[in-house]
C-alpha atoms as a PDB file:
ATOM      1  CA  MET A   1       0.000   0.000   0.000  1.00  0.00           C
ATOM      2  CA  LEU A   2       2.703   2.460   0.957  1.00  0.00           C
ATOM      3  CA  SER A   3       4.772   1.576  -2.093  1.00  0.00           C
ATOM      4  CA  SER A   4       1.907   2.605  -4.391  1.00  0.00           C
ATOM      5  CA  LEU A   5       1.768   5.973  -2.590  1.00  0.00           C
ATOM      6  CA  LYS A   6       5.513   6.421  -3.052  1.00  0.00           C
ATOM      7  CA  LEU A   7       5.186   5.572  -6.732  1.00  0.00           C
ATOM      8  CA  PHE A   8       2.309   8.053  -7.036  1.00  0.00           C
ATOM      9  CA  MET A   9       4.322  10.823  -5.383  1.00  0.00           C
ATOM     10  CA  PHE A  10       7.409  10.015  -7.437  1.00  0.00           C
ATOM     11  CA  SER A  11       5.399  10.054 -10.676  1.00  0.00           C
ATOM     12  CA  ILE A  12       3.595  13.307  -9.936  1.00  0.00           C
ATOM     13  CA  VAL A  13       6.736  15.161  -8.827  1.00  0.00           C
ATOM     14  CA  PHE A  14       8.736  14.063 -11.842  1.00  0.00           C
ATOM     15  CA  TRP A  15       5.821  14.775 -14.181  1.00  0.00           C
ATOM     16  CA  GLY A  16       5.752  18.314 -12.765  1.00  0.00           C
ATOM     17  CA  LEU A  17       9.495  18.633 -13.274  1.00  0.00           C
ATOM     18  CA  TRP A  18       9.141  17.328 -16.828  1.00  0.00           C
ATOM     19  CA  ASN A  19       6.467  19.942 -17.551  1.00  0.00           C
ATOM     20  CA  LEU A  20       8.721  22.680 -16.186  1.00  0.00           C
ATOM     21  CA  ARG A  21      11.596  21.386 -18.283  1.00  0.00           C
ATOM     22  CA  ASN A  22       9.435  21.466 -21.402  1.00  0.00           C
ATOM     23  CA  LYS A  23       8.261  24.986 -20.596  1.00  0.00           C
ATOM     24  CA  MET A  24      11.884  26.115 -20.281  1.00  0.00           C
ATOM     25  CA  ARG A  25      13.064  24.307 -23.402  1.00  0.00           C
ATOM     26  CA  ILE A  26      10.146  24.911 -25.761  1.00  0.00           C
ATOM     27  CA  GLU A  27       8.653  28.215 -24.589  1.00  0.00           C
ATOM     28  CA  GLY A  28      11.778  29.747 -23.031  1.00  0.00           C
ATOM     29  CA  VAL A  29       9.896  30.444 -19.772  1.00  0.00           C
ATOM     30  CA  PHE A  30      12.077  29.917 -16.706  1.00  0.00           C
ATOM     31  CA  PRO A  31      10.904  29.654 -13.080  1.00  0.00           C
ATOM     32  CA  ARG A  32      11.584  32.768 -11.041  1.00  0.00           C
ATOM     33  CA  SER A  33      12.814  30.871  -7.990  1.00  0.00           C
ATOM     34  CA  ALA A  34      13.276  27.441  -6.470  1.00  0.00           C
ATOM     35  CA  ASN A  35       9.986  27.955  -4.645  1.00  0.00           C
ATOM     36  CA  ALA A  36       8.175  28.188  -7.980  1.00  0.00           C
ATOM     37  CA  VAL A  37       9.364  24.676  -8.835  1.00  0.00           C
ATOM     38  CA  LEU A  38       8.309  23.331  -5.434  1.00  0.00           C
ATOM     39  CA  TYR A  39       4.898  24.989  -5.620  1.00  0.00           C
ATOM     40  CA  LYS A  40       4.321  23.523  -9.094  1.00  0.00           C
ATOM     41  CA  CYS A  41       4.998  20.006  -7.767  1.00  0.00           C
ATOM     42  CA  PHE A  42       2.795  20.743  -4.749  1.00  0.00           C
ATOM     43  CA  TYR A  43       0.011  21.891  -7.070  1.00  0.00           C
ATOM     44  CA  HIS A  44       0.183  18.657  -9.071  1.00  0.00           C
ATOM     45  CA  LEU A  45       0.084  16.572  -5.884  1.00  0.00           C
ATOM     46  CA  GLN A  46      -3.039  18.430  -4.746  1.00  0.00           C
ATOM     47  CA  THR A  47      -4.700  18.111  -8.135  1.00  0.00           C
ATOM     48  CA  TRP A  48      -4.152  14.384  -8.587  1.00  0.00           C
ATOM     49  CA  ARG A  49      -4.625  13.235  -4.960  1.00  0.00           C
ATOM     50  CA  ILE A  50      -8.272  12.385  -5.691  1.00  0.00           C
ATOM     51  CA  LEU A  51      -7.041   9.296  -7.543  1.00  0.00           C
ATOM     52  CA  LEU A  52      -5.790   7.788  -4.270  1.00  0.00           C
ATOM     53  CA  LYS A  53      -7.675   5.636  -1.797  1.00  0.00           C
ATOM     54  CA  PRO A  54      -8.910   7.510   1.299  1.00  0.00           C
ATOM     55  CA  ALA A  55      -6.212   5.994   3.541  1.00  0.00           C
ATOM     56  CA  ASP A  56      -3.480   7.048   1.120  1.00  0.00           C
ATOM     57  CA  GLN A  57      -5.077  10.490   0.794  1.00  0.00           C
ATOM     58  CA  ALA A  58      -4.740  10.954   4.561  1.00  0.00           C
ATOM     59  CA  ILE A  59      -1.045  10.012   4.444  1.00  0.00           C
ATOM     60  CA  LEU A  60      -0.482  12.312   1.466  1.00  0.00           C
ATOM     61  CA  ASP A  61      -2.312  15.162   3.220  1.00  0.00           C
ATOM     62  CA  ASP A  62       0.002  14.765   6.208  1.00  0.00           C
ATOM     63  CA  GLN A  63       3.086  14.777   3.975  1.00  0.00           C
ATOM     64  CA  MET A  64       1.806  17.781   2.013  1.00  0.00           C
ATOM     65  CA  SER A  65       1.161  19.761   5.198  1.00  0.00           C
ATOM     66  CA  LYS A  66       4.753  19.097   6.276  1.00  0.00           C
ATOM     67  CA  LEU A  67       5.987  20.103   2.823  1.00  0.00           C
ATOM     68  CA  LYS A  68       3.876  23.272   2.864  1.00  0.00           C
ATOM     69  CA  THR A  69       5.275  24.272   6.261  1.00  0.00           C
ATOM     70  CA  TRP A  70       8.803  23.671   5.014  1.00  0.00           C
ATOM     71  CA  MET A  71       8.141  25.640   1.811  1.00  0.00           C
ATOM     72  CA  GLU A  72       6.793  28.616   3.756  1.00  0.00           C
ATOM     73  CA  ASP A  73       9.973  28.694   5.862  1.00  0.00           C
ATOM     74  CA  PHE A  74      12.294  28.062   2.898  1.00  0.00           C
ATOM     75  CA  THR A  75      14.539  30.919   1.816  1.00  0.00           C
ATOM     76  CA  PRO A  76      16.515  30.039  -1.303  1.00  0.00           C
ATOM     77  CA  LEU A  77      20.073  31.225  -1.571  1.00  0.00           C
ATOM     78  CA  ASP A  78      20.813  33.310  -4.639  1.00  0.00           C
ATOM     79  CA  TYR A  79      24.293  32.112  -5.569  1.00  0.00           C
ATOM     80  CA  PHE A  80      24.034  32.862  -9.260  1.00  0.00           C
ATOM     81  CA  ILE A  81      22.841  36.453  -9.219  1.00  0.00           C
END
């Protein structure tokens, strides 16, 4: 059961990264910050969570609340500016 949740999360996160990669490569649109990338993955997790069983949804909700708290406290370092 937990392995299917991990596979779901892995798939959604990497699908979000793939979409961002395509946007950068094809449209030339780059994310403004590291938070933009994280929020895009978070958005996809929220959107597709309805496909999970209720027990897995509860686990995912817990993980997403931890991720959201971490993202709100996250301050990216601007090394390349």
